[in-house]
Amino acid sequence: MNATEARHEAHKIPAELPDRISVEAVLNEHTALVQSAVIGRAVTRNEEVAARCDIIILDTLPSSSTGKVPKHRLFEVARDQSMQQA
């Protein structure tokens, strides 16, 4: 799945502010995707919320010893990616 396809899939979610589990469920329906994890981002008071996704594609997702994806590690990865793009 490329970033354009992922964005298209994310826009199929029927809600203004979908929860991350709903977004993950839609993304995981794509046959080329093995696993997804979604994190939110802070929105300032005056910022208009739009249906927008920043897609980061990883070869593997970080996981704990129980197999869960630690969200704090995803925040670190997203922060590092945005710093590299700036």
Protein backbone atom coordinates (compact mmCIF):
# COMPACT_ATOMS: atom_id res chain seq x y z
CA MET A 1 0.00 0.00 0.00
CA ASN A 2 1.39 3.37 -0.87
CA ALA A 3 0.64 6.62 0.95
CA THR A 4 -1.99 7.70 -1.60
CA GLU A 5 -3.89 4.42 -1.25
CA ALA A 6 -3.70 4.64 2.56
CA ARG A 7 -5.09 8.19 2.53
CA HIS A 8 -7.92 7.03 0.25
CA GLU A 9 -8.73 4.16 2.63
CA ALA A 10 -8.67 6.49 5.65
CA HIS A 11 -11.23 8.79 4.00
CA LYS A 12 -13.76 5.94 3.83
CA ILE A 13 -14.33 6.18 7.59
CA PRO A 14 -17.79 7.69 8.20
CA ALA A 15 -17.23 10.27 10.94
CA GLU A 16 -15.80 13.75 11.38
CA LEU A 17 -13.39 12.66 14.10
CA PRO A 18 -13.00 8.88 13.94
CA ASP A 19 -11.34 7.02 16.76
CA ARG A 20 -8.03 5.30 16.05
CA ILE A 21 -9.53 1.81 16.26
CA SER A 22 -11.96 2.62 13.44
CA VAL A 23 -9.13 3.98 11.30
CA GLU A 24 -6.99 0.91 11.99
CA ALA A 25 -9.89 -1.39 11.07
CA VAL A 26 -10.35 0.29 7.68
CA LEU A 27 -6.62 0.30 6.94
CA ASN A 28 -6.26 -3.36 7.96
CA GLU A 29 -8.85 -4.34 5.33
CA HIS A 30 -6.30 -3.53 2.62
CA THR A 31 -4.73 -6.74 1.30
CA ALA A 32 -1.22 -5.24 0.99
CA LEU A 33 -1.16 -4.17 4.63
CA VAL A 34 -0.06 -6.58 7.34
CA GLN A 35 -0.68 -4.40 10.38
CA SER A 36 -1.47 -0.78 11.16
CA ALA A 37 -1.29 1.43 14.21
CA VAL A 38 -2.84 4.88 14.48
CA ILE A 39 -1.94 7.69 16.85
CA GLY A 40 -3.58 11.08 17.19
CA ARG A 41 -1.95 14.45 17.24
CA ALA A 42 -2.66 17.50 19.33
CA VAL A 43 -4.79 20.20 17.74
CA THR A 44 -4.51 23.81 18.85
CA ARG A 45 -7.68 25.67 19.75
CA ASN A 46 -7.77 27.77 16.60
CA GLU A 47 -6.69 25.00 14.26
CA GLU A 48 -9.36 23.70 11.97
CA VAL A 49 -9.69 19.93 12.15
CA ALA A 50 -9.64 18.35 8.71
CA ALA A 51 -9.87 14.78 7.44
CA ARG A 52 -6.13 14.43 7.03
CA CYS A 53 -3.66 11.66 7.69
CA ASP A 54 0.09 11.71 7.81
CA ILE A 55 1.19 8.26 6.74
CA ILE A 56 4.45 6.74 7.94
CA ILE A 57 5.29 3.38 6.46
CA LEU A 58 7.55 1.09 8.50
CA ASP A 59 8.91 -2.34 7.66
CA THR A 60 7.86 -3.49 11.13
CA LEU A 61 5.97 -1.87 13.96
CA PRO A 62 7.60 -1.63 17.37
CA SER A 63 6.04 -4.07 19.81
CA SER A 64 6.23 -4.98 23.47
CA SER A 65 6.91 -8.46 24.85
CA THR A 66 3.14 -9.07 24.79
CA GLY A 67 2.89 -8.16 21.10
CA LYS A 68 1.13 -4.84 21.64
CA VAL A 69 2.28 -1.72 19.80
CA PRO A 70 3.46 0.84 22.38
CA LYS A 71 1.95 4.16 21.31
CA HIS A 72 4.77 6.16 22.93
CA ARG A 73 7.21 4.51 20.50
CA LEU A 74 4.98 5.50 17.56
CA PHE A 75 4.96 9.09 18.78
CA GLU A 76 8.78 8.98 18.84
CA VAL A 77 8.91 7.55 15.31
CA ALA A 78 6.46 10.19 14.03
CA ARG A 79 8.44 12.97 15.72
CA ASP A 80 11.70 11.70 14.24
CA GLN A 81 10.14 11.45 10.76
CA SER A 82 8.79 15.02 10.90
CA MET A 83 12.18 16.31 12.07
CA GLN A 84 13.88 14.59 9.13
CA GLN A 85 11.42 16.11 6.67
CA ALA A 86 11.80 19.65 8.04
